[in-house]
Protein backbone atom coordinates (compact mmCIF):
# COMPACT_ATOMS: atom_id res chain seq x y z
CA MET A 1 0.00 0.01 0.01
CA GLY A 2 1.42 3.37 -1.05
CA ARG A 3 2.07 6.18 1.34
CA GLY A 4 -1.05 8.22 2.10
CA GLU A 5 -3.37 5.44 0.81
CA ARG A 6 -6.07 4.05 3.06
CA GLU A 7 -7.22 0.54 3.36
CA ASN A 8 -10.79 -0.11 2.18
CA PRO A 9 -13.28 -0.73 5.02
CA PRO A 10 -14.26 -4.39 5.59
CA SER A 11 -17.25 -5.76 3.75
CA LEU A 12 -20.47 -4.44 5.27
CA ASP A 13 -23.40 -6.56 6.33
CA LEU A 14 -26.34 -5.44 8.48
CA LYS A 15 -26.09 -8.58 10.56
CA VAL A 16 -22.48 -7.70 11.35
CA ILE A 17 -23.49 -4.13 12.25
CA TYR A 18 -26.33 -5.46 14.43
CA SER A 19 -24.02 -7.90 16.24
CA ARG A 20 -21.39 -5.18 16.91
CA LEU A 21 -23.96 -2.73 18.25
CA LEU A 22 -25.61 -5.36 20.46
CA LYS A 23 -22.15 -6.37 21.86
CA ARG A 24 -21.24 -2.76 22.62
CA PHE A 25 -24.55 -1.38 23.95
CA GLY A 26 -26.41 -4.55 25.11
CA PRO A 27 -30.16 -5.08 24.84
CA GLN A 28 -32.07 -1.77 24.90
CA GLY A 29 -35.42 -3.03 26.20
CA TRP A 30 -37.50 -1.09 23.70
CA TRP A 31 -40.35 0.06 23.60
CA PRO A 32 -40.68 1.28 27.21
CA ALA A 33 -44.46 1.08 27.67
CA GLU A 34 -46.84 -0.60 30.09
CA SER A 35 -49.53 -1.34 27.45
CA PRO A 36 -49.91 -1.42 23.64
CA PHE A 37 -51.91 1.84 23.68
CA GLU A 38 -49.09 3.55 25.54
CA VAL A 39 -46.94 2.66 22.53
CA PHE A 40 -49.43 4.54 20.34
CA ILE A 41 -49.20 7.53 22.65
CA GLY A 42 -45.43 7.45 22.75
CA ALA A 43 -45.06 7.10 19.01
CA ILE A 44 -47.11 10.27 18.50
CA LEU A 45 -45.62 12.29 21.35
CA THR A 46 -41.98 11.50 20.32
CA GLN A 47 -42.37 13.29 16.99
CA ARG A 48 -39.96 16.22 16.96
CA THR A 49 -38.88 15.86 20.59
CA ASN A 50 -36.70 13.67 22.77
CA TRP A 51 -37.81 10.71 24.85
CA LYS A 52 -37.27 12.40 28.22
CA ASN A 53 -39.91 14.96 27.34
CA VAL A 54 -42.28 12.17 26.18
CA GLU A 55 -41.81 10.41 29.52
CA LYS A 56 -42.77 13.57 31.39
CA ALA A 57 -45.89 13.98 29.24
CA ILE A 58 -46.98 10.36 29.73
CA MET A 59 -46.47 10.63 33.48
CA GLU A 60 -48.76 13.72 33.50
CA MET A 61 -51.36 11.82 31.46
CA LYS A 62 -51.30 8.84 33.82
CA ARG A 63 -52.02 11.11 36.77
CA SER A 64 -55.23 12.34 35.15
CA LEU A 65 -56.53 9.83 32.59
CA PRO A 66 -56.66 6.09 31.95
CA LEU A 67 -54.43 5.46 28.96
CA GLU A 68 -57.25 3.88 26.96
CA PRO A 69 -58.80 4.93 23.60
CA LYS A 70 -62.23 5.91 25.09
CA ALA A 71 -60.68 8.10 27.79
CA ILE A 72 -58.42 9.92 25.30
CA ALA A 73 -61.21 10.31 22.70
CA GLU A 74 -63.54 11.87 25.31
CA ALA A 75 -60.99 14.03 27.13
CA PRO A 76 -61.42 17.79 26.63
CA SER A 77 -58.83 19.06 24.18
CA ASN A 78 -57.56 21.79 26.59
CA LEU A 79 -57.01 19.17 29.30
CA LEU A 80 -55.09 16.87 26.97
CA GLN A 81 -53.00 19.77 25.66
CA GLY A 82 -52.00 20.77 29.17
CA LEU A 83 -50.99 17.24 30.10
CA ILE A 84 -48.74 16.66 27.07
CA ARG A 85 -47.26 20.18 26.99
CA PRO A 86 -43.74 18.82 28.02
CA ALA A 87 -43.62 16.90 24.64
CA GLY A 88 -43.95 20.12 22.61
CA PHE A 89 -46.27 20.86 19.70
CA TYR A 90 -48.95 19.99 22.24
CA ARG A 91 -51.95 21.29 20.27
CA GLN A 92 -51.06 19.36 17.16
CA LYS A 93 -50.17 16.22 19.11
CA ALA A 94 -53.38 16.36 21.21
CA ASP A 95 -55.32 16.46 17.94
CA ARG A 96 -53.46 13.43 16.71
CA LEU A 97 -54.00 11.51 19.90
CA LYS A 98 -57.69 12.25 19.81
CA ALA A 99 -57.86 11.31 16.09
CA ILE A 100 -56.37 7.85 16.56
CA ALA A 101 -58.30 7.18 19.81
CA SER A 102 -61.62 8.28 18.16
CA HIS A 103 -60.79 6.10 15.13
CA ILE A 104 -60.39 3.03 17.36
CA CYS A 105 -63.58 3.80 19.22
CA ARG A 106 -65.62 4.56 16.07
CA ASN A 107 -64.34 1.67 13.94
CA HIS A 108 -63.42 -0.99 16.50
CA GLY A 109 -65.70 -0.33 19.42
CA GLY A 110 -62.73 0.92 21.46
CA SER A 111 -61.07 -2.47 21.17
CA LEU A 112 -57.34 -2.23 20.66
CA GLU A 113 -57.23 -6.02 20.17
CA SER A 114 -59.62 -5.71 17.21
CA PHE A 115 -57.54 -2.94 15.65
CA LEU A 116 -54.14 -4.55 16.14
CA GLY A 117 -55.46 -8.02 15.11
CA LYS A 118 -55.67 -7.02 11.49
CA SER A 119 -53.14 -8.26 9.00
CA MET A 120 -50.04 -6.09 8.82
CA ASP A 121 -50.91 -4.65 5.44
CA GLU A 122 -54.50 -3.88 6.52
CA LEU A 123 -53.35 -2.32 9.80
CA ARG A 124 -50.76 -0.19 8.07
CA ARG A 125 -53.24 1.12 5.50
CA GLU A 126 -55.70 1.97 8.29
CA LEU A 127 -53.05 3.72 10.40
CA LEU A 128 -51.90 5.77 7.46
CA SER A 129 -55.46 6.88 6.81
CA ILE A 130 -55.60 8.62 10.17
CA LYS A 131 -54.67 12.31 10.13
CA GLY A 132 -51.20 12.96 11.44
CA ILE A 133 -49.96 9.35 11.21
CA GLY A 134 -47.04 8.99 8.76
CA PRO A 135 -45.10 5.89 7.76
CA GLU A 136 -42.48 6.04 10.58
CA THR A 137 -45.14 6.47 13.29
CA ALA A 138 -47.36 3.77 11.78
CA ASP A 139 -44.48 1.31 11.47
CA SER A 140 -43.32 1.96 15.06
CA ILE A 141 -46.87 1.18 16.30
CA ILE A 142 -47.01 -1.97 14.15
CA LEU A 143 -43.64 -3.21 15.36
CA TYR A 144 -43.88 -2.42 19.08
CA ALA A 145 -47.65 -2.47 19.79
CA ALA A 146 -48.91 -5.05 17.24
CA ASN A 147 -45.70 -7.14 17.42
CA LYS A 148 -45.57 -7.52 13.62
CA MET A 149 -42.32 -7.56 11.67
CA ILE A 150 -41.86 -4.21 9.92
CA PHE A 151 -38.88 -1.89 10.26
CA PRO A 152 -39.45 1.83 10.90
CA VAL A 153 -37.13 4.12 8.91
CA ASP A 154 -35.97 7.40 10.48
CA ALA A 155 -33.43 10.09 9.91
CA TYR A 156 -30.96 8.36 12.25
CA LEU A 157 -30.97 5.22 10.08
CA ARG A 158 -30.50 7.20 6.87
CA ARG A 159 -27.57 9.13 8.37
CA ILE A 160 -25.80 6.06 9.61
CA LEU A 161 -26.22 4.02 6.43
CA ARG A 162 -25.07 6.97 4.33
CA ARG A 163 -21.92 7.38 6.38
CA LEU A 164 -21.25 3.69 6.23
CA GLY A 165 -21.36 3.89 2.43
CA LEU A 166 -24.55 1.83 2.17
CA LEU A 167 -26.56 4.72 0.70
CA GLU A 168 -25.61 7.03 -2.15
CA ALA A 169 -28.16 9.63 -1.00
CA GLU A 170 -30.64 10.27 1.75
CA SER A 171 -33.53 10.62 -0.77
CA LEU A 172 -34.24 6.90 -1.26
CA PRO A 173 -38.02 6.37 -0.93
CA TYR A 174 -39.15 5.34 2.56
CA ASP A 175 -40.59 1.96 1.63
CA ASP A 176 -37.64 1.02 -0.61
CA LEU A 177 -35.23 1.56 2.27
CA ARG A 178 -37.50 -0.19 4.75
CA LYS A 179 -37.68 -3.29 2.60
CA TRP A 180 -33.95 -3.23 1.94
CA VAL A 181 -33.23 -3.29 5.70
CA GLU A 182 -35.86 -5.96 6.36
CA GLU A 183 -34.28 -8.28 3.80
CA ARG A 184 -30.88 -8.06 5.45
CA LEU A 185 -31.71 -8.41 9.17
CA PRO A 186 -32.21 -11.67 11.02
CA LYS A 187 -35.81 -12.71 10.42
CA SER A 188 -37.17 -12.33 13.97
CA LEU A 189 -39.35 -9.81 15.72
CA ASP A 190 -36.81 -9.35 18.52
CA SER A 191 -34.07 -8.55 16.01
CA PHE A 192 -36.22 -5.86 14.30
CA LYS A 193 -37.04 -4.28 17.65
CA GLU A 194 -33.49 -4.43 18.97
CA PHE A 195 -31.85 -3.14 15.80
CA ARG A 196 -34.10 -0.08 15.68
CA ALA A 197 -33.27 0.72 19.31
CA LEU A 198 -29.52 0.18 18.67
CA ILE A 199 -29.49 2.49 15.69
CA VAL A 200 -31.07 5.24 17.82
CA LYS A 201 -28.48 4.61 20.58
CA LEU A 202 -25.56 4.85 18.08
CA ALA A 203 -26.97 7.98 16.53
CA LYS A 204 -27.37 9.72 19.89
CA GLU A 205 -23.94 8.74 21.29
CA TYR A 206 -21.65 8.68 18.26
CA CYS A 207 -23.23 9.26 14.84
CA LEU A 208 -24.43 12.75 15.65
CA LYS A 209 -24.97 15.42 13.02
CA LYS A 210 -21.35 16.29 13.81
CA PRO A 211 -20.00 12.76 14.21
CA ARG A 212 -18.02 11.71 17.30
CA CYS A 213 -16.03 8.92 15.74
CA GLN A 214 -13.64 8.21 18.60
CA GLY A 215 -14.80 5.03 20.29
CA CYS A 216 -17.58 4.30 17.83
CA PRO A 217 -18.13 0.48 17.53
CA LEU A 218 -18.48 0.85 13.72
CA ARG A 219 -15.48 3.16 13.12
CA ASP A 220 -13.45 0.61 11.18
CA LEU A 221 -16.47 -0.15 8.94
CA CYS A 222 -17.27 3.51 8.20
CA ALA A 223 -16.66 4.60 4.59
CA LYS A 224 -16.41 8.22 5.75
CA GLY A 225 -12.79 7.68 6.69
CA HIS A 226 -11.92 5.16 3.97
CA SER A 227 -12.51 4.92 0.24
CA LYS A 228 -15.35 6.55 -1.66
CA PRO A 229 -18.71 5.27 -0.38
CA SER A 230 -20.10 2.30 -2.21
CA LYS A 231 -23.41 2.34 -4.03
CA PHE A 232 -26.65 1.23 -2.57
CA SER A 233 -26.76 -2.26 -3.97
CA ASP A 234 -28.73 -5.48 -3.99
CA PRO A 235 -27.60 -8.51 -1.97
C-alpha cells in the first residue's frame, strides 16, 4: 500500500452491524411502555422531541386519565393539551391522539385487540389513513404495539447508512429503504425491535450530526474515513 493510501473498510453486512452494536450497547429493552396503547401515545408524542420529554408527558397523562382509547377520545382538548405540554407541539399532538383514539372507538368499538389484530398490510393502511400518522409512526406502532415484523425508517438510520457507504443519497423512498433493511436483518421480531433501538443509541452517542467517531463501535467499517462510499446495492 502506497504512502497516504487508506485501506478499504471491511465488507459491510447489516447482521455484522447489528452484532457489533448489540455487543457494545447490550439489549435496549424497547419500547418502554406498560401497554400497547401507551406505545401509540409514545409514538405520536415522540415526533420532533426527545424521549425524556415524552416520559414527562406520559407521566402527567397517567395522573389524570386512563391510557385507553375511550378516555383519550372523550378528554377535553384543553385538558389533553395541558397534560402533554412537555412533549412540545402539544396542540397538534393532542389532535393526533384524539384522532387515533376516536378512530379506534368509532371503527373498532374501542377495542385495541380488534384494531391490532388485522393483517399487517391492513393495519398499516388503516393507520396511514388517520390524520397525522405517517409511515415512521405507523411502522413503530405496528412493530412495538402489534408485534408484527416491519422496520421503521427514520433520519438516524439514513444518516448512519449513508456514512457507512450503504446509501448514495438520503432521498431513497421510505418503503424502498424499509424493505432493503428488512431483507438483510435476522428474520425475527426481537431482531427488528432491537436493531431499531440500537440504531437510535448509536446516533445519539456517536453518529451525531457532527459525528463523534472516537470510540464508535463501527468506526473501522465506516466509509467516511476510507474509500469513496459504495453504491446502494442489492444482496
